[in-house]
Amino acid sequence: AYMAPEMIDAGEAGPAADIFALGVVLHEMLAGLHPFRRDTTASTMAAILRDEPPPLPDAPAALAELARECLAKEPERRPVSAAICAARLREHLTPSGSAATVVPGPAIDSLAVLPFHNEAGDEGAEYLIDGLLDSLIDSLSRLPKLRIMARSTVQLRAHMHDRPLEVGRELGVRAVLVGRLQRRGDEIIVRTELVDATDGTRLWGERLRRPFGDLLEIEDAICREIAGQLRLALGPDAEGLLARRHTVVPEAREAYLQGRFVWNRWKSPEAMRPAIAVFEHALELDPRYALAYGGLADSYSILGNVKAIPPGEAYPRAREAALQGLAIDPDAAELHAALAFVQRFWD
């Protein structure tokens, strides 16, 4: 009666199955009834596989929502860890008859954004995960009162996506953002949780299901929500920094992310040429996409550096691309870095 659907259906058991069992117990405590029990064992198992749990109208909304999340049929839709469930339950442990006093904690001034977990193990979604990580770190690092861990720091802890407390202790940050991403056909499903690294409290969580073309909107929504939860005093200048976009063309954004994904993992000159192709495609879609010029500059610099293209040909092309991008966005750090590479290794 406490087995998760994946245990019944495929004999698979993992931490998510324990969270499902916890959800059954929590539902029993709130309703006085088992959510799936039927007259026979077979019909009970069928209900676990097929039926949704009955609503809990008399329970506190937050507890009813936690029970519902724990009882999700798909393991990846349940809370990522029991520690997070415990923290959410702890929020409601107010003595009977007493008034709860909410004391706002200090502003969260440091954050680690972990690479999102690829729920389906889909290699075709890896470039989206890379791009979302870069975008969130880039956007949030613009906030003057927030110390955020660099990509190179958090990338080493990608395997710890279900251990935010441990990550927080290792990195000495007040909060950790964990998430899961899945691409289903033309849709993107993103689940995020912002966890207080001092006690495991869930500060904020969201499940976004959007058409694939709304990737830019998903990035913006996550950044806005996190900024609000960090309790930072955001002035109009900071809000403008968060709202800043390098392109408004979703297809150009996707092409750029594909190019950066290839560029970050290149192992041979031949592997760099597909990156150039998708950066050029991004510029065809949006000729004012400054970062795509930076991608071209970086690609030609590498090809010149390893002599796959004569340096006298490659480096001038890299410089030209970097200058074209800087003419559009003089403040883009990626373009200044690309130009500096040319000056260091060619000029």
Protein backbone atom coordinates (compact mmCIF):
# COMPACT_ATOMS: atom_id res chain seq x y z
CA ALA A 1 0.00 0.00 0.00
CA TYR A 2 3.03 2.30 0.36
CA MET A 3 4.86 1.30 -2.82
CA ALA A 4 5.60 3.97 -5.39
CA PRO A 5 4.24 3.54 -8.93
CA GLU A 6 7.69 2.86 -10.37
CA MET A 7 8.18 0.00 -7.90
CA ILE A 8 4.91 -1.62 -8.95
CA ASP A 9 5.37 -0.99 -12.63
CA ALA A 10 9.09 -1.71 -13.11
CA GLY A 11 10.50 -2.88 -9.79
CA GLU A 12 12.61 0.27 -9.48
CA ALA A 13 13.28 1.64 -6.00
CA GLY A 14 15.22 4.77 -5.07
CA PRO A 15 15.01 7.80 -2.77
CA ALA A 16 12.02 9.13 -4.72
CA ALA A 17 10.08 5.97 -3.80
CA ASP A 18 10.65 6.71 -0.10
CA ILE A 19 9.32 10.22 -0.63
CA PHE A 20 6.20 8.73 -2.22
CA ALA A 21 5.71 6.53 0.89
CA LEU A 22 6.16 9.64 3.04
CA GLY A 23 3.43 11.30 0.99
CA VAL A 24 1.06 8.39 1.67
CA VAL A 25 1.69 8.68 5.42
CA LEU A 26 1.28 12.46 5.35
CA HIS A 27 -2.03 12.11 3.48
CA GLU A 28 -3.21 9.56 6.05
CA MET A 29 -2.35 11.91 8.91
CA LEU A 30 -4.17 14.84 7.29
CA ALA A 31 -7.26 12.97 6.06
CA GLY A 32 -7.48 9.93 8.34
CA LEU A 33 -7.68 7.75 5.24
CA HIS A 34 -5.18 6.06 2.94
CA PRO A 35 -5.25 7.87 -0.44
CA PHE A 36 -5.24 4.70 -2.55
CA ARG A 37 -6.47 1.80 -0.40
CA ARG A 38 -9.11 -0.32 -2.08
CA ASP A 39 -10.83 -3.65 -1.30
CA THR A 40 -8.03 -5.86 -2.62
CA THR A 41 -4.26 -5.65 -2.94
CA ALA A 42 -4.51 -5.74 -6.72
CA SER A 43 -7.02 -2.87 -6.85
CA THR A 44 -4.92 -0.85 -4.39
CA MET A 45 -1.85 -1.28 -6.61
CA ALA A 46 -3.91 -0.33 -9.65
CA ALA A 47 -5.08 2.84 -7.87
CA ILE A 48 -1.49 3.79 -7.05
CA LEU A 49 -0.63 3.45 -10.73
CA ARG A 50 -3.74 5.14 -12.13
CA ASP A 51 -5.65 7.33 -9.68
CA GLU A 52 -4.86 10.77 -8.30
CA PRO A 53 -5.08 11.15 -4.50
CA PRO A 54 -8.29 12.74 -3.25
CA PRO A 55 -8.08 16.46 -2.36
CA LEU A 56 -7.44 17.63 1.20
CA PRO A 57 -9.77 20.63 1.54
CA ASP A 58 -9.62 20.72 5.35
CA ALA A 59 -5.83 20.62 5.61
CA PRO A 60 -3.54 23.68 5.58
CA ALA A 61 -2.90 24.53 1.96
CA ALA A 62 0.89 24.24 2.23
CA LEU A 63 0.71 20.75 3.79
CA ALA A 64 -1.85 19.59 1.26
CA GLU A 65 0.44 20.83 -1.53
CA LEU A 66 3.43 18.98 -0.06
CA ALA A 67 1.43 15.74 0.17
CA ARG A 68 0.28 16.18 -3.44
CA GLU A 69 3.86 16.74 -4.64
CA CYS A 70 5.14 13.69 -2.77
CA LEU A 71 2.42 11.55 -4.38
CA ALA A 72 3.24 12.56 -7.96
CA LYS A 73 3.22 9.54 -10.27
CA GLU A 74 6.51 10.55 -11.93
CA PRO A 75 9.53 10.33 -9.56
CA GLU A 76 11.10 13.47 -11.03
CA ARG A 77 8.07 15.57 -10.04
CA ARG A 78 8.45 14.80 -6.33
CA PRO A 79 10.55 16.95 -3.95
CA VAL A 80 14.22 16.36 -4.63
CA SER A 81 15.12 15.22 -1.10
CA ALA A 82 13.64 14.21 2.25
CA ALA A 83 15.61 17.03 3.86
CA ILE A 84 13.61 19.54 1.84
CA CYS A 85 10.36 17.80 2.86
CA ALA A 86 11.43 17.99 6.50
CA ALA A 87 12.19 21.69 6.21
CA ARG A 88 8.78 22.38 4.69
CA LEU A 89 7.05 20.39 7.46
CA ARG A 90 9.08 22.20 10.11
CA GLU A 91 7.60 25.50 8.95
CA HIS A 92 4.19 24.34 10.28
CA LEU A 93 5.22 23.08 13.71
CA THR A 94 3.48 25.84 15.63
CA PRO A 95 2.14 24.84 19.12
CA SER A 96 -1.63 24.47 19.18
CA GLY A 97 -3.45 27.63 20.22
CA SER A 98 -0.42 29.91 19.91
CA ALA A 99 0.02 32.61 17.37
CA ALA A 100 2.80 32.11 14.90
CA THR A 101 5.22 34.99 14.63
CA VAL A 102 7.15 35.15 11.40
CA VAL A 103 10.49 36.85 11.87
CA PRO A 104 12.13 37.63 8.56
CA GLY A 105 15.67 36.34 8.43
CA PRO A 106 18.63 38.35 7.30
CA ALA A 107 18.96 39.10 3.63
CA ILE A 108 20.52 36.26 1.69
CA ASP A 109 23.69 37.75 0.31
CA SER A 110 25.38 34.70 -1.24
CA LEU A 111 24.12 32.06 -3.64
CA ALA A 112 25.23 28.97 -5.56
CA VAL A 113 23.28 27.98 -8.68
CA LEU A 114 23.86 24.28 -9.33
CA PRO A 115 23.68 22.92 -12.88
CA PHE A 116 20.15 21.70 -13.43
CA HIS A 117 19.66 17.94 -13.35
CA ASN A 118 18.85 16.37 -16.71
CA GLU A 119 15.86 14.30 -15.62
CA ALA A 120 15.50 12.20 -18.74
CA GLY A 121 19.23 11.81 -19.38
CA ASP A 122 18.56 13.40 -22.77
CA GLU A 123 21.84 14.40 -24.40
CA GLY A 124 19.90 16.76 -26.65
CA ALA A 125 18.91 18.83 -23.60
CA GLU A 126 22.45 19.28 -22.25
CA TYR A 127 23.04 22.51 -24.17
CA LEU A 128 19.85 23.94 -22.62
CA ILE A 129 21.11 23.09 -19.13
CA ASP A 130 24.48 24.70 -19.85
CA GLY A 131 22.79 27.79 -21.25
CA LEU A 132 20.35 28.15 -18.38
CA LEU A 133 23.19 27.90 -15.85
CA ASP A 134 25.22 30.57 -17.67
CA SER A 135 22.22 32.84 -18.04
CA LEU A 136 21.19 32.64 -14.38
CA ILE A 137 24.73 33.20 -13.11
CA ASP A 138 25.25 36.07 -15.54
CA SER A 139 21.97 37.78 -14.65
CA LEU A 140 22.16 37.33 -10.89
CA SER A 141 25.82 38.33 -10.66
CA ARG A 142 24.79 41.79 -11.86
CA LEU A 143 23.05 42.42 -8.52
CA PRO A 144 25.46 44.53 -6.46
CA LYS A 145 24.52 43.04 -3.08
CA LEU A 146 24.78 39.39 -4.07
CA ARG A 147 27.88 37.19 -4.01
CA ILE A 148 27.35 34.36 -6.48
CA MET A 149 29.56 31.33 -7.10
CA ALA A 150 31.28 31.11 -10.48
CA ARG A 151 30.35 28.53 -13.08
CA SER A 152 33.70 26.75 -12.67
CA THR A 153 32.97 26.36 -8.95
CA VAL A 154 29.46 24.95 -9.20
CA GLN A 155 30.18 22.77 -12.24
CA LEU A 156 32.33 20.53 -10.02
CA ARG A 157 29.28 19.89 -7.84
CA ALA A 158 26.77 19.07 -10.58
CA HIS A 159 26.42 15.55 -9.11
CA MET A 160 25.25 17.05 -5.79
CA HIS A 161 21.97 18.42 -7.18
CA ASP A 162 20.01 16.57 -4.47
CA ARG A 163 22.29 17.70 -1.60
CA PRO A 164 21.86 21.48 -1.38
CA LEU A 165 22.71 21.63 2.33
CA GLU A 166 26.04 19.93 1.74
CA VAL A 167 26.80 22.26 -1.17
CA GLY A 168 25.94 25.26 0.96
CA ARG A 169 28.31 24.16 3.71
CA GLU A 170 31.15 23.43 1.29
CA LEU A 171 30.86 26.77 -0.49
CA GLY A 172 29.92 28.92 2.48
CA VAL A 173 26.79 30.40 0.87
CA ARG A 174 23.44 31.20 2.44
CA ALA A 175 21.28 29.75 -0.34
CA VAL A 176 21.48 27.16 -3.09
CA LEU A 177 19.32 26.97 -6.20
CA VAL A 178 18.68 23.44 -7.46
CA GLY A 179 16.59 22.47 -10.43
CA ARG A 180 15.57 19.82 -12.91
CA LEU A 181 15.02 20.24 -16.62
CA GLN A 182 13.27 18.01 -19.08
CA ARG A 183 12.45 18.53 -22.73
CA ARG A 184 9.33 16.75 -23.97
CA GLY A 185 8.80 17.30 -27.66
CA ASP A 186 8.17 21.01 -28.12
CA GLU A 187 7.85 21.69 -24.40
CA ILE A 188 10.35 22.45 -21.64
CA ILE A 189 9.59 21.46 -18.04
CA VAL A 190 11.71 23.15 -15.39
CA ARG A 191 11.40 22.56 -11.63
CA THR A 192 13.38 24.79 -9.30
CA GLU A 193 13.85 25.11 -5.56
CA LEU A 194 15.68 27.80 -3.64
CA VAL A 195 16.99 26.26 -0.42
CA ASP A 196 18.26 28.09 2.67
CA ALA A 197 21.67 26.48 3.19
CA THR A 198 21.62 27.08 6.95
CA ASP A 199 18.66 24.80 7.76
CA GLY A 200 17.33 23.32 4.53
CA THR A 201 14.22 25.50 4.47
CA ARG A 202 12.55 25.72 1.09
CA LEU A 203 12.43 29.43 0.37
CA TRP A 204 10.76 29.15 -2.99
CA GLY A 205 9.86 26.54 -5.55
CA GLU A 206 8.32 26.59 -8.97
CA ARG A 207 7.36 24.22 -11.76
CA LEU A 208 7.34 25.84 -15.17
CA ARG A 209 5.98 24.12 -18.23
CA ARG A 210 6.36 26.19 -21.35
CA PRO A 211 6.60 25.84 -25.12
CA PHE A 212 10.22 25.50 -26.15
CA GLY A 213 10.23 28.98 -27.66
CA ASP A 214 9.62 30.45 -24.19
CA LEU A 215 13.13 29.63 -22.92
CA LEU A 216 13.88 33.35 -22.57
CA GLU A 217 10.70 33.83 -20.54
CA ILE A 218 11.65 30.91 -18.27
CA GLU A 219 15.07 32.44 -17.60
CA ASP A 220 13.50 35.81 -16.79
CA ALA A 221 10.84 34.29 -14.52
CA ILE A 222 13.41 32.35 -12.46
CA CYS A 223 15.67 35.40 -12.07
CA ARG A 224 12.80 37.65 -10.97
CA GLU A 225 11.50 35.14 -8.43
CA ILE A 226 14.94 34.49 -6.95
CA ALA A 227 15.70 38.19 -6.66
CA GLY A 228 12.48 38.65 -4.71
CA GLN A 229 13.17 35.72 -2.42
CA LEU A 230 16.69 36.91 -1.67
CA ARG A 231 15.14 39.91 0.08
CA LEU A 232 17.54 42.28 -1.62
CA ALA A 233 16.66 45.93 -1.76
CA LEU A 234 16.41 46.15 -5.52
CA GLY A 235 16.40 49.62 -6.90
CA PRO A 236 15.28 50.51 -10.42
CA ASP A 237 18.84 50.14 -11.71
CA ALA A 238 19.13 46.57 -10.41
CA GLU A 239 15.73 45.65 -11.82
CA GLY A 240 16.86 46.97 -15.19
CA LEU A 241 19.98 44.83 -15.04
CA LEU A 242 17.92 41.69 -14.43
CA ALA A 243 15.58 42.54 -17.29
CA ARG A 244 18.44 43.01 -19.75
CA ARG A 245 18.38 40.60 -22.69
CA HIS A 246 21.01 40.06 -25.36
CA THR A 247 18.37 38.90 -27.85
CA VAL A 248 14.60 38.68 -28.03
CA VAL A 249 14.62 36.00 -30.73
CA PRO A 250 14.22 32.57 -29.08
CA GLU A 251 15.59 30.70 -32.09
CA ALA A 252 18.73 32.85 -32.06
CA ARG A 253 19.14 32.15 -28.37
CA GLU A 254 18.86 28.41 -28.98
CA ALA A 255 21.44 28.53 -31.79
CA TYR A 256 23.84 30.47 -29.56
CA LEU A 257 23.43 27.96 -26.73
CA GLN A 258 24.14 25.10 -29.11
CA GLY A 259 27.28 26.86 -30.28
CA ARG A 260 28.54 27.49 -26.76
CA PHE A 261 27.81 23.90 -25.79
CA VAL A 262 29.97 22.66 -28.67
CA TRP A 263 32.66 25.29 -27.99
CA ASN A 264 32.93 24.36 -24.31
CA ARG A 265 33.53 20.70 -25.15
CA TRP A 266 35.66 20.84 -28.29
CA LYS A 267 38.45 18.28 -28.51
CA SER A 268 39.57 18.71 -32.11
CA PRO A 269 39.55 21.51 -34.71
CA GLU A 270 36.88 19.64 -36.66
CA ALA A 271 34.60 19.87 -33.62
CA MET A 272 34.92 23.67 -33.58
CA ARG A 273 33.51 24.18 -37.08
CA PRO A 274 29.90 23.22 -36.15
CA ALA A 275 30.07 25.92 -33.46
CA ILE A 276 30.92 28.52 -36.09
CA ALA A 277 27.98 27.36 -38.19
CA VAL A 278 25.42 27.79 -35.39
CA PHE A 279 26.88 31.14 -34.27
CA GLU A 280 26.49 32.35 -37.86
CA HIS A 281 22.93 31.01 -37.90
CA ALA A 282 22.18 32.93 -34.69
CA LEU A 283 23.36 36.12 -36.42
CA GLU A 284 21.20 35.39 -39.44
CA LEU A 285 18.22 35.23 -37.08
CA ASP A 286 19.27 38.31 -35.09
CA PRO A 287 22.03 40.44 -36.68
CA ARG A 288 22.32 42.47 -33.45
CA TYR A 289 23.00 39.50 -31.18
CA ALA A 290 26.34 40.69 -29.79
CA LEU A 291 27.21 37.49 -27.92
CA ALA A 292 27.00 35.47 -31.12
CA TYR A 293 29.82 37.65 -32.49
CA GLY A 294 31.74 36.74 -29.35
CA GLY A 295 31.18 33.07 -30.09
CA LEU A 296 32.60 33.54 -33.60
CA ALA A 297 35.60 35.44 -32.22
CA ASP A 298 36.37 32.72 -29.69
CA SER A 299 36.03 29.99 -32.31
CA TYR A 300 38.37 31.62 -34.82
CA SER A 301 40.88 32.40 -32.07
CA ILE A 302 41.03 28.75 -31.05
CA LEU A 303 41.39 27.58 -34.65
CA GLY A 304 44.20 30.07 -35.16
CA ASN A 305 45.85 29.13 -31.89
CA VAL A 306 46.04 25.44 -32.83
CA LYS A 307 47.01 26.32 -36.45
CA ALA A 308 43.92 24.63 -37.92
CA ILE A 309 43.49 27.92 -39.83
CA PRO A 310 46.56 30.03 -40.63
CA PRO A 311 46.91 32.45 -37.68
CA GLY A 312 47.25 35.39 -40.07
CA GLU A 313 43.76 34.58 -41.32
CA ALA A 314 42.08 33.36 -38.14
CA TYR A 315 43.05 36.08 -35.64
CA PRO A 316 42.00 39.05 -37.82
CA ARG A 317 38.62 37.37 -38.35
CA ALA A 318 38.33 36.89 -34.60
CA ARG A 319 39.18 40.54 -33.94
CA GLU A 320 36.68 41.73 -36.56
CA ALA A 321 33.89 39.63 -34.96
CA ALA A 322 34.73 40.90 -31.47
CA LEU A 323 34.70 44.53 -32.62
CA GLN A 324 31.38 44.05 -34.43
CA GLY A 325 29.89 42.71 -31.21
CA LEU A 326 31.35 45.54 -29.11
CA ALA A 327 29.85 48.09 -31.48
CA ILE A 328 26.46 46.65 -30.49
CA ASP A 329 27.13 46.05 -26.79
CA PRO A 330 30.22 47.87 -25.44
CA ASP A 331 29.69 46.39 -21.96
CA ALA A 332 29.67 42.68 -22.90
CA ALA A 333 32.50 41.09 -20.91
CA GLU A 334 32.62 38.08 -23.24
CA LEU A 335 33.53 40.35 -26.15
CA HIS A 336 36.25 42.18 -24.23
CA ALA A 337 37.70 38.79 -23.25
CA ALA A 338 37.61 37.66 -26.90
CA LEU A 339 39.43 40.81 -28.00
CA ALA A 340 41.99 40.39 -25.21
CA PHE A 341 42.73 36.86 -26.40
CA VAL A 342 43.57 38.21 -29.87
CA GLN A 343 45.80 40.93 -28.41
CA ARG A 344 47.61 38.47 -26.16
CA PHE A 345 48.25 35.68 -28.67
CA TRP A 346 48.49 37.58 -31.98
CA ASP A 347 49.05 41.32 -31.67
